[in-house]
Amino acid sequence: LTRFLLWERMGMRVQDGMNRIQSASYPGRGIVIGLTPNGKHFAQVYWIMGRSPSSRNRGFVQEDAFVKTDTVDKTQEVDPLTMYYPTKVLGTSHIVTNGDQTDTIFDALQNGGTFESALMTRLFEPDGPNFTPRISGIVDLGEDTAYRLAVLKTVGGDERYCARHFFTYETAIAGVGHCVTTYVDDGSPLPSFEGEPFAVPLVDELQETADAYWDSLNEDNRVSMLVKFIDRESGVSEQVIVNKYA
């Protein structure tokens, strides 16, 4: 009965979460982490969007066990904030972020630090007046905790103040992911993400997951997406990359 009531409540919430993504013309970059319905895989979803030619001149490229952003047209000017590794793996730790804090977390873990301690050294992005939040997540199969998410953002859009929000999910819920985005929607300046990560649905098939989330993003502004499944028992991962322009 308890499980049934939980599913009933979460069922309504995950649909609300998917509607939230679908109705936003520009949620910016987004991270989803959760557990597939069959309980076999942790899922990580990450996407980027773009309104300017520079932001759209990108794609995800596999580099060994990592994924990086790369330019499509090499003759165009590049914003260095858009070039980074969205995912890296270190042992049992699977990191996903929207910026070069991926490297900060990776280096901290290598040197005995933590996800949280690494992000205590970083701020939101220096791209005023938006001051884009840094969103990050991690799945570590070597820990009892299922996954963690973090948002580093201004307080009220004021660059003098930084708020660091950390969310720990001790137990994953089969079929449910939690999502953070950089923005609520389009605007000038762009309104930063607010509140806690919201629940969204997950399915058991990798490609089906990629199709569902890619289709949910605004067709004009979506740029690239990666979906990664991590086997909870073996630690083996597989992923799908979708690029609009590459």
C-alpha atoms as a PDB file:
ATOM      1  CA  LEU A   1       0.000   0.000   0.000  1.00  0.00           C
ATOM      2  CA  THR A   2       2.790   2.412   0.912  1.00  0.00           C
ATOM      3  CA  ARG A   3       4.542   1.776  -2.415  1.00  0.00           C
ATOM      4  CA  PHE A   4       1.284   2.201  -4.327  1.00  0.00           C
ATOM      5  CA  LEU A   5       0.603   5.554  -2.667  1.00  0.00           C
ATOM      6  CA  LEU A   6       4.163   6.684  -3.404  1.00  0.00           C
ATOM      7  CA  TRP A   7       3.814   5.769  -7.087  1.00  0.00           C
ATOM      8  CA  GLU A   8       0.454   7.525  -7.260  1.00  0.00           C
ATOM      9  CA  ARG A   9       1.895  10.740  -5.864  1.00  0.00           C
ATOM     10  CA  MET A  10       5.096  10.552  -7.920  1.00  0.00           C
ATOM     11  CA  GLY A  11       3.135   9.718 -11.080  1.00  0.00           C
ATOM     12  CA  MET A  12       1.401  13.057 -10.957  1.00  0.00           C
ATOM     13  CA  ARG A  13       4.599  14.888 -10.089  1.00  0.00           C
ATOM     14  CA  VAL A  14       6.730  13.373 -12.862  1.00  0.00           C
ATOM     15  CA  GLN A  15       4.164  14.336 -15.491  1.00  0.00           C
ATOM     16  CA  ASP A  16       4.141  17.867 -14.095  1.00  0.00           C
ATOM     17  CA  GLY A  17       7.939  17.872 -14.367  1.00  0.00           C
ATOM     18  CA  MET A  18       7.916  16.754 -17.995  1.00  0.00           C
ATOM     19  CA  ASN A  19       5.281  19.376 -18.779  1.00  0.00           C
ATOM     20  CA  ARG A  20       7.546  21.969 -17.207  1.00  0.00           C
ATOM     21  CA  ILE A  21      10.375  21.077 -19.609  1.00  0.00           C
ATOM     22  CA  GLN A  22       8.059  20.909 -22.627  1.00  0.00           C
ATOM     23  CA  SER A  23       6.376  24.251 -21.934  1.00  0.00           C
ATOM     24  CA  ALA A  24       9.625  26.223 -21.512  1.00  0.00           C
ATOM     25  CA  SER A  25      11.039  27.679 -24.715  1.00  0.00           C
ATOM     26  CA  TYR A  26      14.459  28.117 -23.114  1.00  0.00           C
ATOM     27  CA  PRO A  27      15.229  26.218 -19.890  1.00  0.00           C
ATOM     28  CA  GLY A  28      18.911  26.427 -20.942  1.00  0.00           C
ATOM     29  CA  ARG A  29      21.099  23.555 -19.861  1.00  0.00           C
ATOM     30  CA  GLY A  30      19.580  20.705 -17.861  1.00  0.00           C
ATOM     31  CA  ILE A  31      20.570  17.660 -15.815  1.00  0.00           C
ATOM     32  CA  VAL A  32      18.399  14.679 -14.912  1.00  0.00           C
ATOM     33  CA  ILE A  33      19.591  11.880 -12.618  1.00  0.00           C
ATOM     34  CA  GLY A  34      17.502   8.951 -11.426  1.00  0.00           C
ATOM     35  CA  LEU A  35      16.774   5.228 -11.580  1.00  0.00           C
ATOM     36  CA  THR A  36      15.169   3.276 -14.419  1.00  0.00           C
ATOM     37  CA  PRO A  37      11.812   1.566 -13.662  1.00  0.00           C
ATOM     38  CA  ASN A  38      13.392  -1.915 -13.584  1.00  0.00           C
ATOM     39  CA  GLY A  39      15.942  -0.706 -11.033  1.00  0.00           C
ATOM     40  CA  LYS A  40      18.910  -1.894 -13.109  1.00  0.00           C
ATOM     41  CA  HIS A  41      20.441   1.400 -14.206  1.00  0.00           C
ATOM     42  CA  PHE A  42      21.115   4.850 -12.914  1.00  0.00           C
ATOM     43  CA  ALA A  43      20.328   7.316 -15.682  1.00  0.00           C
ATOM     44  CA  GLN A  44      22.006  10.642 -16.383  1.00  0.00           C
ATOM     45  CA  VAL A  45      20.584  13.053 -18.947  1.00  0.00           C
ATOM     46  CA  TYR A  46      22.306  16.302 -19.915  1.00  0.00           C
ATOM     47  CA  TRP A  47      21.339  18.797 -22.598  1.00  0.00           C
ATOM     48  CA  ILE A  48      22.430  22.179 -23.921  1.00  0.00           C
ATOM     49  CA  MET A  49      20.401  24.789 -25.757  1.00  0.00           C
ATOM     50  CA  GLY A  50      21.324  27.915 -27.679  1.00  0.00           C
ATOM     51  CA  ARG A  51      19.768  31.088 -29.053  1.00  0.00           C
ATOM     52  CA  SER A  52      22.816  32.719 -30.669  1.00  0.00           C
ATOM     53  CA  PRO A  53      24.853  31.384 -33.628  1.00  0.00           C
ATOM     54  CA  SER A  54      27.812  30.912 -31.269  1.00  0.00           C
ATOM     55  CA  SER A  55      25.786  28.847 -28.795  1.00  0.00           C
ATOM     56  CA  ARG A  56      24.360  26.741 -31.613  1.00  0.00           C
ATOM     57  CA  ASN A  57      27.787  26.112 -33.117  1.00  0.00           C
ATOM     58  CA  ARG A  58      28.382  23.174 -30.776  1.00  0.00           C
ATOM     59  CA  GLY A  59      28.029  19.456 -30.383  1.00  0.00           C
ATOM     60  CA  PHE A  60      28.987  16.688 -27.972  1.00  0.00           C
ATOM     61  CA  VAL A  61      32.013  14.565 -28.862  1.00  0.00           C
ATOM     62  CA  GLN A  62      33.139  11.321 -27.239  1.00  0.00           C
ATOM     63  CA  GLU A  63      36.708  11.390 -25.935  1.00  0.00           C
ATOM     64  CA  ASP A  64      37.650   8.042 -24.403  1.00  0.00           C
ATOM     65  CA  ALA A  65      35.510   7.686 -21.246  1.00  0.00           C
ATOM     66  CA  PHE A  66      34.661  11.406 -21.265  1.00  0.00           C
ATOM     67  CA  VAL A  67      32.393  13.642 -23.339  1.00  0.00           C
ATOM     68  CA  LYS A  68      33.334  17.187 -24.347  1.00  0.00           C
ATOM     69  CA  THR A  69      31.700  20.049 -26.210  1.00  0.00           C
ATOM     70  CA  ASP A  70      33.260  20.992 -29.517  1.00  0.00           C
ATOM     71  CA  THR A  71      32.611  23.524 -32.262  1.00  0.00           C
ATOM     72  CA  VAL A  72      30.938  22.538 -35.515  1.00  0.00           C
ATOM     73  CA  ASP A  73      32.210  25.408 -37.655  1.00  0.00           C
ATOM     74  CA  LYS A  74      35.845  25.928 -36.631  1.00  0.00           C
ATOM     75  CA  THR A  75      35.959  29.352 -38.314  1.00  0.00           C
ATOM     76  CA  GLN A  76      33.448  30.885 -35.915  1.00  0.00           C
ATOM     77  CA  GLU A  77      34.382  32.708 -32.728  1.00  0.00           C
ATOM     78  CA  VAL A  78      33.977  30.625 -29.574  1.00  0.00           C
ATOM     79  CA  ASP A  79      32.848  31.620 -26.075  1.00  0.00           C
ATOM     80  CA  PRO A  80      35.254  29.780 -23.728  1.00  0.00           C
ATOM     81  CA  LEU A  81      32.415  29.223 -21.236  1.00  0.00           C
ATOM     82  CA  THR A  82      30.775  26.899 -23.779  1.00  0.00           C
ATOM     83  CA  MET A  83      33.808  24.612 -24.133  1.00  0.00           C
ATOM     84  CA  TYR A  84      34.075  22.034 -21.346  1.00  0.00           C
ATOM     85  CA  TYR A  85      33.636  18.381 -20.383  1.00  0.00           C
ATOM     86  CA  PRO A  86      30.011  17.805 -19.342  1.00  0.00           C
ATOM     87  CA  THR A  87      30.822  14.283 -18.146  1.00  0.00           C
ATOM     88  CA  LYS A  88      33.821  12.547 -16.648  1.00  0.00           C
ATOM     89  CA  VAL A  89      34.285   9.228 -14.862  1.00  0.00           C
ATOM     90  CA  LEU A  90      36.662   8.492 -12.005  1.00  0.00           C
ATOM     91  CA  GLY A  91      36.462   4.934 -10.687  1.00  0.00           C
ATOM     92  CA  THR A  92      32.868   4.446  -9.540  1.00  0.00           C
ATOM     93  CA  SER A  93      32.070   8.179  -9.723  1.00  0.00           C
ATOM     94  CA  HIS A  94      30.114   9.479 -12.709  1.00  0.00           C
ATOM     95  CA  ILE A  95      30.171  13.294 -12.857  1.00  0.00           C
ATOM     96  CA  VAL A  96      27.895  15.483 -14.977  1.00  0.00           C
ATOM     97  CA  THR A  97      27.854  19.305 -15.012  1.00  0.00           C
ATOM     98  CA  ASN A  98      27.150  22.313 -17.209  1.00  0.00           C
ATOM     99  CA  GLY A  99      30.667  23.755 -17.125  1.00  0.00           C
ATOM    100  CA  ASP A 100      34.322  23.423 -16.261  1.00  0.00           C
ATOM    101  CA  GLN A 101      33.405  22.561 -12.675  1.00  0.00           C
ATOM    102  CA  THR A 102      33.427  18.988 -14.010  1.00  0.00           C
ATOM    103  CA  ASP A 103      37.225  19.259 -13.818  1.00  0.00           C
ATOM    104  CA  THR A 104      37.051  20.842 -10.348  1.00  0.00           C
ATOM    105  CA  ILE A 105      35.017  17.908  -9.035  1.00  0.00           C
ATOM    106  CA  PHE A 106      37.168  15.335 -10.836  1.00  0.00           C
ATOM    107  CA  ASP A 107      40.396  16.814  -9.420  1.00  0.00           C
ATOM    108  CA  ALA A 108      38.940  17.050  -5.912  1.00  0.00           C
ATOM    109  CA  LEU A 109      37.870  13.400  -5.927  1.00  0.00           C
ATOM    110  CA  GLN A 110      41.334  12.383  -7.143  1.00  0.00           C
ATOM    111  CA  ASN A 111      42.845  14.184  -4.172  1.00  0.00           C
ATOM    112  CA  GLY A 112      40.521  12.863  -1.480  1.00  0.00           C
ATOM    113  CA  GLY A 113      37.971  15.658  -1.618  1.00  0.00           C
ATOM    114  CA  THR A 114      34.233  15.463  -2.160  1.00  0.00           C
ATOM    115  CA  PHE A 115      31.598  16.646  -4.603  1.00  0.00           C
ATOM    116  CA  GLU A 116      30.513  19.265  -2.079  1.00  0.00           C
ATOM    117  CA  SER A 117      33.991  20.477  -1.111  1.00  0.00           C
ATOM    118  CA  ALA A 118      34.875  20.937  -4.785  1.00  0.00           C
ATOM    119  CA  LEU A 119      31.828  23.091  -5.452  1.00  0.00           C
ATOM    120  CA  MET A 120      32.488  25.223  -2.384  1.00  0.00           C
ATOM    121  CA  THR A 121      35.426  26.632  -4.365  1.00  0.00           C
ATOM    122  CA  ARG A 122      33.301  27.720  -7.352  1.00  0.00           C
ATOM    123  CA  LEU A 123      30.709  30.400  -8.112  1.00  0.00           C
ATOM    124  CA  PHE A 124      27.986  30.866 -10.720  1.00  0.00           C
ATOM    125  CA  GLU A 125      29.202  31.672 -14.237  1.00  0.00           C
ATOM    126  CA  PRO A 126      30.630  35.189 -14.816  1.00  0.00           C
ATOM    127  CA  ASP A 127      28.258  35.988 -17.682  1.00  0.00           C
ATOM    128  CA  GLY A 128      26.376  38.994 -16.329  1.00  0.00           C
ATOM    129  CA  PRO A 129      23.627  40.038 -16.359  1.00  0.00           C
ATOM    130  CA  ASN A 130      22.464  36.390 -16.468  1.00  0.00           C
ATOM    131  CA  PHE A 131      25.049  34.948 -14.063  1.00  0.00           C
ATOM    132  CA  THR A 132      24.099  31.462 -15.215  1.00  0.00           C
ATOM    133  CA  PRO A 133      23.863  28.943 -12.356  1.00  0.00           C
ATOM    134  CA  ARG A 134      26.380  26.114 -12.260  1.00  0.00           C
ATOM    135  CA  ILE A 135      24.418  22.870 -12.085  1.00  0.00           C
ATOM    136  CA  SER A 136      26.173  19.606 -11.230  1.00  0.00           C
ATOM    137  CA  GLY A 137      25.387  16.004 -10.392  1.00  0.00           C
ATOM    138  CA  ILE A 138      27.127  12.788  -9.414  1.00  0.00           C
ATOM    139  CA  VAL A 139      26.394   9.087  -9.158  1.00  0.00           C
ATOM    140  CA  ASP A 140      28.953   7.151  -7.109  1.00  0.00           C
ATOM    141  CA  LEU A 141      28.350   3.410  -7.075  1.00  0.00           C
ATOM    142  CA  GLY A 142      30.822   3.093  -4.215  1.00  0.00           C
ATOM    143  CA  GLU A 143      28.595   5.036  -1.832  1.00  0.00           C
ATOM    144  CA  ASP A 144      25.348   4.234  -0.056  1.00  0.00           C
ATOM    145  CA  THR A 145      23.851   7.487  -1.353  1.00  0.00           C
ATOM    146  CA  ALA A 146      22.067   7.066  -4.702  1.00  0.00           C
ATOM    147  CA  TYR A 147      22.968  10.424  -6.267  1.00  0.00           C
ATOM    148  CA  ARG A 148      23.520  14.103  -5.559  1.00  0.00           C
ATOM    149  CA  LEU A 149      22.734  17.353  -7.343  1.00  0.00           C
ATOM    150  CA  ALA A 150      23.937  20.910  -6.770  1.00  0.00           C
ATOM    151  CA  VAL A 151      23.049  24.411  -7.922  1.00  0.00           C
ATOM    152  CA  LEU A 152      25.363  27.423  -7.478  1.00  0.00           C
ATOM    153  CA  LYS A 153      23.521  30.676  -8.174  1.00  0.00           C
ATOM    154  CA  THR A 154      23.227  34.329  -7.232  1.00  0.00           C
ATOM    155  CA  VAL A 155      20.876  35.554  -4.554  1.00  0.00           C
ATOM    156  CA  GLY A 156      18.249  37.593  -6.343  1.00  0.00           C
ATOM    157  CA  GLY A 157      20.466  38.096  -9.378  1.00  0.00           C
ATOM    158  CA  ASP A 158      23.023  40.049  -7.334  1.00  0.00           C
ATOM    159  CA  GLU A 159      26.562  38.969  -8.223  1.00  0.00           C
ATOM    160  CA  ARG A 160      27.815  39.955  -4.770  1.00  0.00           C
ATOM    161  CA  TYR A 161      26.038  36.975  -3.222  1.00  0.00           C
ATOM    162  CA  CYS A 162      26.341  33.273  -4.004  1.00  0.00           C
ATOM    163  CA  ALA A 163      24.022  30.547  -2.739  1.00  0.00           C
ATOM    164  CA  ARG A 164      25.159  26.934  -2.943  1.00  0.00           C
ATOM    165  CA  HIS A 165      22.333  24.399  -2.856  1.00  0.00           C
ATOM    166  CA  PHE A 166      23.136  20.699  -2.376  1.00  0.00           C
ATOM    167  CA  PHE A 167      20.550  17.922  -2.737  1.00  0.00           C
ATOM    168  CA  THR A 168      21.291  14.367  -1.621  1.00  0.00           C
ATOM    169  CA  TYR A 169      19.025  11.481  -2.672  1.00  0.00           C
ATOM    170  CA  GLU A 170      19.833   8.620  -0.338  1.00  0.00           C
ATOM    171  CA  THR A 171      17.424   6.177  -1.974  1.00  0.00           C
ATOM    172  CA  ALA A 172      16.505   6.251  -5.653  1.00  0.00           C
ATOM    173  CA  ILE A 173      12.893   5.752  -6.726  1.00  0.00           C
ATOM    174  CA  ALA A 174      12.481   3.353  -9.643  1.00  0.00           C
ATOM    175  CA  GLY A 175      11.183   5.185 -12.700  1.00  0.00           C
ATOM    176  CA  VAL A 176      11.832   8.659 -11.289  1.00  0.00           C
ATOM    177  CA  GLY A 177      14.565  11.183 -12.055  1.00  0.00           C
ATOM    178  CA  HIS A 178      15.269  14.577 -10.552  1.00  0.00           C
ATOM    179  CA  CYS A 179      15.932  17.548 -12.814  1.00  0.00           C
ATOM    180  CA  VAL A 180      17.668  20.900 -12.490  1.00  0.00           C
ATOM    181  CA  THR A 181      17.931  23.471 -15.278  1.00  0.00           C
ATOM    182  CA  THR A 182      19.919  26.664 -15.514  1.00  0.00           C
ATOM    183  CA  TYR A 183      16.889  28.854 -16.234  1.00  0.00           C
ATOM    184  CA  VAL A 184      13.179  28.832 -15.549  1.00  0.00           C
ATOM    185  CA  ASP A 185      12.500  29.962 -19.140  1.00  0.00           C
ATOM    186  CA  ASP A 186      13.467  32.656 -21.630  1.00  0.00           C
ATOM    187  CA  GLY A 187      13.826  36.268 -20.491  1.00  0.00           C
ATOM    188  CA  SER A 188      16.129  39.262 -20.218  1.00  0.00           C
ATOM    189  CA  PRO A 189      18.016  38.713 -18.063  1.00  0.00           C
ATOM    190  CA  LEU A 190      17.406  34.978 -18.050  1.00  0.00           C
ATOM    191  CA  PRO A 191      15.596  33.937 -14.826  1.00  0.00           C
ATOM    192  CA  SER A 192      17.707  31.470 -12.823  1.00  0.00           C
ATOM    193  CA  PHE A 193      16.444  28.086 -11.675  1.00  0.00           C
ATOM    194  CA  GLU A 194      14.472  28.266  -8.429  1.00  0.00           C
ATOM    195  CA  GLY A 195      13.534  25.743  -5.760  1.00  0.00           C
ATOM    196  CA  GLU A 196      14.536  22.102  -5.484  1.00  0.00           C
ATOM    197  CA  PRO A 197      15.064  19.568  -8.290  1.00  0.00           C
ATOM    198  CA  PHE A 198      11.742  18.495  -9.772  1.00  0.00           C
ATOM    199  CA  ALA A 199      10.638  14.938 -10.496  1.00  0.00           C
ATOM    200  CA  VAL A 200      10.541  13.639 -14.082  1.00  0.00           C
ATOM    201  CA  PRO A 201       9.850  10.188 -15.588  1.00  0.00           C
ATOM    202  CA  LEU A 202      12.424   7.637 -16.743  1.00  0.00           C
ATOM    203  CA  VAL A 203      12.071   4.504 -18.873  1.00  0.00           C
ATOM    204  CA  ASP A 204      14.115   1.307 -19.175  1.00  0.00           C
ATOM    205  CA  GLU A 205      15.471   1.802 -22.710  1.00  0.00           C
ATOM    206  CA  LEU A 206      18.427   4.094 -23.411  1.00  0.00           C
ATOM    207  CA  GLN A 207      17.344   5.258 -26.868  1.00  0.00           C
ATOM    208  CA  GLU A 208      13.743   5.701 -25.780  1.00  0.00           C
ATOM    209  CA  THR A 209      14.935   7.942 -22.951  1.00  0.00           C
ATOM    210  CA  ALA A 210      17.005  10.016 -25.370  1.00  0.00           C
ATOM    211  CA  ASP A 211      14.090  10.336 -27.791  1.00  0.00           C
ATOM    212  CA  ALA A 212      11.658  11.362 -25.052  1.00  0.00           C
ATOM    213  CA  TYR A 213      13.845  14.113 -23.631  1.00  0.00           C
ATOM    214  CA  TRP A 214      15.067  15.376 -26.993  1.00  0.00           C
ATOM    215  CA  ASP A 215      11.475  15.638 -28.205  1.00  0.00           C
ATOM    216  CA  SER A 216      10.511  17.502 -25.034  1.00  0.00           C
ATOM    217  CA  LEU A 217      12.963  20.351 -25.716  1.00  0.00           C
ATOM    218  CA  ASN A 218      12.060  23.394 -27.792  1.00  0.00           C
ATOM    219  CA  GLU A 219      12.843  22.457 -31.391  1.00  0.00           C
ATOM    220  CA  ASP A 220      14.330  25.840 -32.299  1.00  0.00           C
ATOM    221  CA  ASN A 221      16.660  26.103 -29.310  1.00  0.00           C
ATOM    222  CA  ARG A 222      17.816  22.546 -28.571  1.00  0.00           C
ATOM    223  CA  VAL A 223      21.450  21.890 -29.512  1.00  0.00           C
ATOM    224  CA  SER A 224      22.824  18.644 -28.021  1.00  0.00           C
ATOM    225  CA  MET A 225      21.944  15.932 -25.545  1.00  0.00           C
ATOM    226  CA  LEU A 226      23.596  12.914 -23.980  1.00  0.00           C
ATOM    227  CA  VAL A 227      21.920  10.102 -22.085  1.00  0.00           C
ATOM    228  CA  LYS A 228      23.969   7.693 -20.005  1.00  0.00           C
ATOM    229  CA  PHE A 229      22.882   4.449 -18.335  1.00  0.00           C
ATOM    230  CA  ILE A 230      25.072   3.059 -15.533  1.00  0.00           C
ATOM    231  CA  ASP A 231      24.592  -0.586 -14.549  1.00  0.00           C
ATOM    232  CA  ARG A 232      24.199  -0.710 -10.764  1.00  0.00           C
ATOM    233  CA  GLU A 233      25.772  -4.163 -10.454  1.00  0.00           C
ATOM    234  CA  SER A 234      28.644  -4.179 -12.948  1.00  0.00           C
ATOM    235  CA  GLY A 235      29.346  -0.451 -13.158  1.00  0.00           C
ATOM    236  CA  VAL A 236      29.416  -0.681 -16.956  1.00  0.00           C
ATOM    237  CA  SER A 237      27.901   2.338 -18.696  1.00  0.00           C
ATOM    238  CA  GLU A 238      26.545   3.048 -22.169  1.00  0.00           C
ATOM    239  CA  GLN A 239      25.351   6.285 -23.687  1.00  0.00           C
ATOM    240  CA  VAL A 240      23.618   7.971 -26.586  1.00  0.00           C
ATOM    241  CA  ILE A 241      24.612  11.383 -27.969  1.00  0.00           C
ATOM    242  CA  VAL A 242      22.238  13.530 -30.026  1.00  0.00           C
ATOM    243  CA  ASN A 243      23.559  16.578 -31.912  1.00  0.00           C
ATOM    244  CA  LYS A 244      21.346  18.910 -33.921  1.00  0.00           C
ATOM    245  CA  TYR A 245      24.112  20.649 -35.845  1.00  0.00           C
ATOM    246  CA  ALA A 246      27.203  18.413 -35.633  1.00  0.00           C
END
